[in-house]
C-alpha atoms as a PDB file:
ATOM      1  CA  UNK A   1     166.668 103.373 165.715  1.00  0.00           C
ATOM      2  CA  UNK A   2     169.560 104.435 163.593  1.00  0.00           C
ATOM      3  CA  UNK A   3     171.946 102.561 161.340  1.00  0.00           C
ATOM      4  CA  UNK A   4     174.341 103.382 158.634  1.00  0.00           C
ATOM      5  CA  UNK A   5     175.322 102.477 155.090  1.00  0.00           C
ATOM      6  CA  UNK A   6     178.314 100.180 154.758  1.00  0.00           C
ATOM      7  CA  UNK A   7     178.413  99.720 151.017  1.00  0.00           C
ATOM      8  CA  UNK A   8     176.482 100.487 147.903  1.00  0.00           C
ATOM      9  CA  UNK A   9     176.213  98.128 144.879  1.00  0.00           C
ATOM     10  CA  UNK A  10     174.663  98.273 141.487  1.00  0.00           C
ATOM     11  CA  UNK A  11     174.832  95.915 138.491  1.00  0.00           C
ATOM     12  CA  UNK A  12     174.659  97.195 134.902  1.00  0.00           C
ATOM     13  CA  UNK A  13     172.541  94.326 133.691  1.00  0.00           C
ATOM     14  CA  UNK A  14     171.135  91.021 134.505  1.00  0.00           C
ATOM     15  CA  UNK A  15     173.793  88.567 135.300  1.00  0.00           C
ATOM     16  CA  UNK A  16     176.569  91.136 135.621  1.00  0.00           C
ATOM     17  CA  UNK A  17     178.666  91.268 138.825  1.00  0.00           C
ATOM     18  CA  UNK A  18     177.622  93.766 141.455  1.00  0.00           C
ATOM     19  CA  UNK A  19     179.939  96.799 141.469  1.00  0.00           C
ATOM     20  CA  UNK A  20     180.665  98.656 144.645  1.00  0.00           C
ATOM     21  CA  UNK A  21     180.287 102.320 144.301  1.00  0.00           C
ATOM     22  CA  UNK A  22     181.067 105.191 146.798  1.00  0.00           C
ATOM     23  CA  UNK A  23     177.987 107.190 146.185  1.00  0.00           C
ATOM     24  CA  UNK A  24     174.612 106.568 144.473  1.00  0.00           C
ATOM     25  CA  UNK A  25     172.245 108.945 142.604  1.00  0.00           C
ATOM     26  CA  UNK A  26     168.685 107.793 143.328  1.00  0.00           C
ATOM     27  CA  UNK A  27     165.602 108.812 141.645  1.00  0.00           C
ATOM     28  CA  UNK A  28     161.977 108.509 143.021  1.00  0.00           C
ATOM     29  CA  UNK A  29     160.026 106.044 141.091  1.00  0.00           C
ATOM     30  CA  UNK A  30     163.034 104.701 139.206  1.00  0.00           C
ATOM     31  CA  UNK A  31     165.951 103.476 141.310  1.00  0.00           C
ATOM     32  CA  UNK A  32     169.735 103.867 141.398  1.00  0.00           C
ATOM     33  CA  UNK A  33     171.367 105.572 138.402  1.00  0.00           C
ATOM     34  CA  UNK A  34     173.188 102.840 136.481  1.00  0.00           C
ATOM     35  CA  UNK A  35     171.502  99.923 138.148  1.00  0.00           C
ATOM     36  CA  UNK A  36     169.793  97.186 136.080  1.00  0.00           C
ATOM     37  CA  UNK A  37     166.388  97.882 137.443  1.00  0.00           C
ATOM     38  CA  UNK A  38     166.614 101.642 136.760  1.00  0.00           C
ATOM     39  CA  UNK A  39     167.649 101.066 133.296  1.00  0.00           C
ATOM     40  CA  UNK A  40     165.236  98.138 132.999  1.00  0.00           C
ATOM     41  CA  UNK A  41     167.924  95.576 132.149  1.00  0.00           C
ATOM     42  CA  UNK A  42     167.424  93.352 135.299  1.00  0.00           C
ATOM     43  CA  UNK A  43     166.435  89.700 135.287  1.00  0.00           C
ATOM     44  CA  UNK A  44     162.821  90.472 136.230  1.00  0.00           C
ATOM     45  CA  UNK A  45     162.478  94.008 134.781  1.00  0.00           C
ATOM     46  CA  UNK A  46     159.753  93.261 132.200  1.00  0.00           C
ATOM     47  CA  UNK A  47     157.730  91.375 134.748  1.00  0.00           C
ATOM     48  CA  UNK A  48     158.139  94.002 137.510  1.00  0.00           C
ATOM     49  CA  UNK A  49     158.109  97.138 135.408  1.00  0.00           C
ATOM     50  CA  UNK A  50     156.570 100.093 137.344  1.00  0.00           C
ATOM     51  CA  UNK A  51     156.525  98.239 140.686  1.00  0.00           C
ATOM     52  CA  UNK A  52     158.110 100.418 143.345  1.00  0.00           C
ATOM     53  CA  UNK A  53     159.565  97.457 145.313  1.00  0.00           C
ATOM     54  CA  UNK A  54     162.314  97.110 142.572  1.00  0.00           C
ATOM     55  CA  UNK A  55     163.793 100.623 143.150  1.00  0.00           C
ATOM     56  CA  UNK A  56     165.980  99.800 146.057  1.00  0.00           C
ATOM     57  CA  UNK A  57     166.957  96.750 148.005  1.00  0.00           C
ATOM     58  CA  UNK A  58     168.927  96.670 151.364  1.00  0.00           C
ATOM     59  CA  UNK A  59     170.484  93.989 153.402  1.00  0.00           C
ATOM     60  CA  UNK A  60     172.012  93.709 156.815  1.00  0.00           C
ATOM     61  CA  UNK A  61     175.709  93.308 157.174  1.00  0.00           C
ATOM     62  CA  UNK A  62     175.039  91.396 160.312  1.00  0.00           C
ATOM     63  CA  UNK A  63     172.863  88.777 158.451  1.00  0.00           C
ATOM     64  CA  UNK A  64     175.490  88.279 155.696  1.00  0.00           C
ATOM     65  CA  UNK A  65     178.145  87.889 158.474  1.00  0.00           C
ATOM     66  CA  UNK A  66     176.084  85.408 160.371  1.00  0.00           C
ATOM     67  CA  UNK A  67     175.328  83.398 157.214  1.00  0.00           C
ATOM     68  CA  UNK A  68     178.987  83.194 156.361  1.00  0.00           C
ATOM     69  CA  UNK A  69     179.925  82.223 159.864  1.00  0.00           C
ATOM     70  CA  UNK A  70     177.168  79.553 160.290  1.00  0.00           C
ATOM     71  CA  UNK A  71     178.031  77.853 156.920  1.00  0.00           C
ATOM     72  CA  UNK A  72     181.717  78.423 156.732  1.00  0.00           C
ATOM     73  CA  UNK A  73     181.268  80.660 153.789  1.00  0.00           C
ATOM     74  CA  UNK A  74     183.099  83.641 152.451  1.00  0.00           C
ATOM     75  CA  UNK A  75     180.482  85.640 150.501  1.00  0.00           C
ATOM     76  CA  UNK A  76     181.291  89.244 149.780  1.00  0.00           C
ATOM     77  CA  UNK A  77     178.527  91.658 150.537  1.00  0.00           C
ATOM     78  CA  UNK A  78     177.877  92.293 146.862  1.00  0.00           C
ATOM     79  CA  UNK A  79     177.350  88.583 146.207  1.00  0.00           C
ATOM     80  CA  UNK A  80     173.962  88.857 147.750  1.00  0.00           C
ATOM     81  CA  UNK A  81     172.851  91.086 145.022  1.00  0.00           C
ATOM     82  CA  UNK A  82     171.190  93.842 147.301  1.00  0.00           C
ATOM     83  CA  UNK A  83     171.980  97.601 146.527  1.00  0.00           C
ATOM     84  CA  UNK A  84     172.561  98.909 150.076  1.00  0.00           C
ATOM     85  CA  UNK A  85     174.505  96.991 152.871  1.00  0.00           C
ATOM     86  CA  UNK A  86     173.523  98.337 156.324  1.00  0.00           C
ATOM     87  CA  UNK A  87     174.674  98.051 159.815  1.00  0.00           C
ATOM     88  CA  UNK A  88     173.133  98.722 163.070  1.00  0.00           C
ATOM     89  CA  UNK A  89     169.429  98.655 161.997  1.00  0.00           C
ATOM     90  CA  UNK A  90     166.863  95.921 161.732  1.00  0.00           C
ATOM     91  CA  UNK A  91     165.612  96.140 158.278  1.00  0.00           C
ATOM     92  CA  UNK A  92     162.391  94.041 159.045  1.00  0.00           C
ATOM     93  CA  UNK A  93     161.372  96.771 161.437  1.00  0.00           C
ATOM     94  CA  UNK A  94     161.219  99.230 158.589  1.00  0.00           C
ATOM     95  CA  UNK A  95     158.399  97.373 156.640  1.00  0.00           C
ATOM     96  CA  UNK A  96     155.486  99.959 156.358  1.00  0.00           C
ATOM     97  CA  UNK A  97     157.669 102.866 157.621  1.00  0.00           C
ATOM     98  CA  UNK A  98     159.388 105.844 156.219  1.00  0.00           C
ATOM     99  CA  UNK A  99     162.967 106.519 156.832  1.00  0.00           C
ATOM    100  CA  UNK A 100     165.888 108.309 155.511  1.00  0.00           C
ATOM    101  CA  UNK A 101     169.315 107.373 154.269  1.00  0.00           C
ATOM    102  CA  UNK A 102     171.322 110.596 154.367  1.00  0.00           C
ATOM    103  CA  UNK A 103     169.153 113.221 152.540  1.00  0.00           C
ATOM    104  CA  UNK A 104     166.912 110.659 150.737  1.00  0.00           C
ATOM    105  CA  UNK A 105     163.441 109.656 151.947  1.00  0.00           C
ATOM    106  CA  UNK A 106     162.420 106.136 151.496  1.00  0.00           C
ATOM    107  CA  UNK A 107     159.370 103.765 152.371  1.00  0.00           C
ATOM    108  CA  UNK A 108     160.033 100.171 153.384  1.00  0.00           C
ATOM    109  CA  UNK A 109     157.629  98.120 151.298  1.00  0.00           C
ATOM    110  CA  UNK A 110     158.295  94.444 152.084  1.00  0.00           C
ATOM    111  CA  UNK A 111     160.979  92.007 152.944  1.00  0.00           C
ATOM    112  CA  UNK A 112     163.222  91.069 150.232  1.00  0.00           C
ATOM    113  CA  UNK A 113     163.186  87.303 150.484  1.00  0.00           C
ATOM    114  CA  UNK A 114     165.727  85.257 148.663  1.00  0.00           C
ATOM    115  CA  UNK A 115     164.535  83.555 145.400  1.00  0.00           C
ATOM    116  CA  UNK A 116     165.516  80.478 143.613  1.00  0.00           C
ATOM    117  CA  UNK A 117     167.372  82.503 141.022  1.00  0.00           C
ATOM    118  CA  UNK A 118     169.590  83.893 143.917  1.00  0.00           C
ATOM    119  CA  UNK A 119     169.858  80.542 145.443  1.00  0.00           C
ATOM    120  CA  UNK A 120     171.250  79.174 142.156  1.00  0.00           C
ATOM    121  CA  UNK A 121     173.556  81.893 141.405  1.00  0.00           C
ATOM    122  CA  UNK A 122     174.980  82.522 144.970  1.00  0.00           C
ATOM    123  CA  UNK A 123     174.543  79.431 147.074  1.00  0.00           C
ATOM    124  CA  UNK A 124     171.942  76.752 147.579  1.00  0.00           C
ATOM    125  CA  UNK A 125     171.999  77.213 151.311  1.00  0.00           C
ATOM    126  CA  UNK A 126     170.973  80.829 150.999  1.00  0.00           C
ATOM    127  CA  UNK A 127     167.351  80.258 150.098  1.00  0.00           C
ATOM    128  CA  UNK A 128     166.313  78.083 153.106  1.00  0.00           C
ATOM    129  CA  UNK A 129     168.480  79.822 155.695  1.00  0.00           C
ATOM    130  CA  UNK A 130     167.967  83.426 154.883  1.00  0.00           C
ATOM    131  CA  UNK A 131     164.101  83.470 154.736  1.00  0.00           C
ATOM    132  CA  UNK A 132     163.107  86.603 156.732  1.00  0.00           C
ATOM    133  CA  UNK A 133     166.671  87.772 156.982  1.00  0.00           C
ATOM    134  CA  UNK A 134     167.773  88.678 153.382  1.00  0.00           C
ATOM    135  CA  UNK A 135     166.763  92.359 153.451  1.00  0.00           C
ATOM    136  CA  UNK A 136     164.258  95.002 152.511  1.00  0.00           C
ATOM    137  CA  UNK A 137     162.617  96.300 149.396  1.00  0.00           C
ATOM    138  CA  UNK A 138     162.040 100.026 149.467  1.00  0.00           C
ATOM    139  CA  UNK A 139     160.511 102.661 147.449  1.00  0.00           C
ATOM    140  CA  UNK A 140     162.542 105.914 146.743  1.00  0.00           C
ATOM    141  CA  UNK A 141     160.399 108.974 147.624  1.00  0.00           C
ATOM    142  CA  UNK A 142     162.892 111.821 146.917  1.00  0.00           C
ATOM    143  CA  UNK A 143     165.691 112.277 144.446  1.00  0.00           C
ATOM    144  CA  UNK A 144     169.191 112.585 146.045  1.00  0.00           C
ATOM    145  CA  UNK A 145     172.625 111.054 146.672  1.00  0.00           C
ATOM    146  CA  UNK A 146     173.450 108.187 149.164  1.00  0.00           C
ATOM    147  CA  UNK A 147     176.929 107.530 150.142  1.00  0.00           C
ATOM    148  CA  UNK A 148     178.902 105.113 152.269  1.00  0.00           C
ATOM    149  CA  UNK A 149     178.577 106.001 156.054  1.00  0.00           C
ATOM    150  CA  UNK A 150     175.190 107.761 155.658  1.00  0.00           C
ATOM    151  CA  UNK A 151     172.891 107.521 158.562  1.00  0.00           C
ATOM    152  CA  UNK A 152     169.646 105.482 158.391  1.00  0.00           C
ATOM    153  CA  UNK A 153     167.015 107.185 160.508  1.00  0.00           C
ATOM    154  CA  UNK A 154     163.390 106.132 160.956  1.00  0.00           C
ATOM    155  CA  UNK A 155     161.141 109.219 160.333  1.00  0.00           C
ATOM    156  CA  UNK A 156     157.640 107.697 160.485  1.00  0.00           C
ATOM    157  CA  UNK A 157     156.654 104.808 162.669  1.00  0.00           C
ATOM    158  CA  UNK A 158     153.135 104.629 161.424  1.00  0.00           C
ATOM    159  CA  UNK A 159     152.011 101.659 159.230  1.00  0.00           C
ATOM    160  CA  UNK A 160     151.111 102.739 155.756  1.00  0.00           C
ATOM    161  CA  UNK A 161     147.855 101.234 154.334  1.00  0.00           C
ATOM    162  CA  UNK A 162     149.402 100.870 150.831  1.00  0.00           C
ATOM    163  CA  UNK A 163     152.537  99.091 152.007  1.00  0.00           C
ATOM    164  CA  UNK A 164     152.137  95.597 151.097  1.00  0.00           C
ATOM    165  CA  UNK A 165     152.504  95.549 147.365  1.00  0.00           C
ATOM    166  CA  UNK A 166     151.887  92.457 145.405  1.00  0.00           C
ATOM    167  CA  UNK A 167     153.751  91.273 142.283  1.00  0.00           C
END
């Protein structure tokens, strides 16, 4: 099970447009350098402070393309407000597993379901039609740099007992 990084996005603060970047420095327990949740300037930063599931979000290119096609939309990958756009890997299969993106180790914590905030800011169709398909929330286990084209590789297929965070 291997995939790759297509694009990387960050937003400086809540409500700011997502900015495409070529490479991202990531920090265990914090997030992506310059991103709203790493700097605690995200929409839900105060409520979710210290929760590992805000460190990194991923979404499949294939699901965005499918949504756009099904509803005759033209959303750019950054519009969906996830940090990493992937290709060639089912992110739902990474819940409870450790994996790498390039040199960085991560743990898939839970699905990154669409919320009403995203539905209001992106498209009302997004919420009902992207349930179970809108990505993965991951905890960053090691510091490093992720770049476009990096391989995504499963490293541990055992289920972790502490995977299902609440929040």
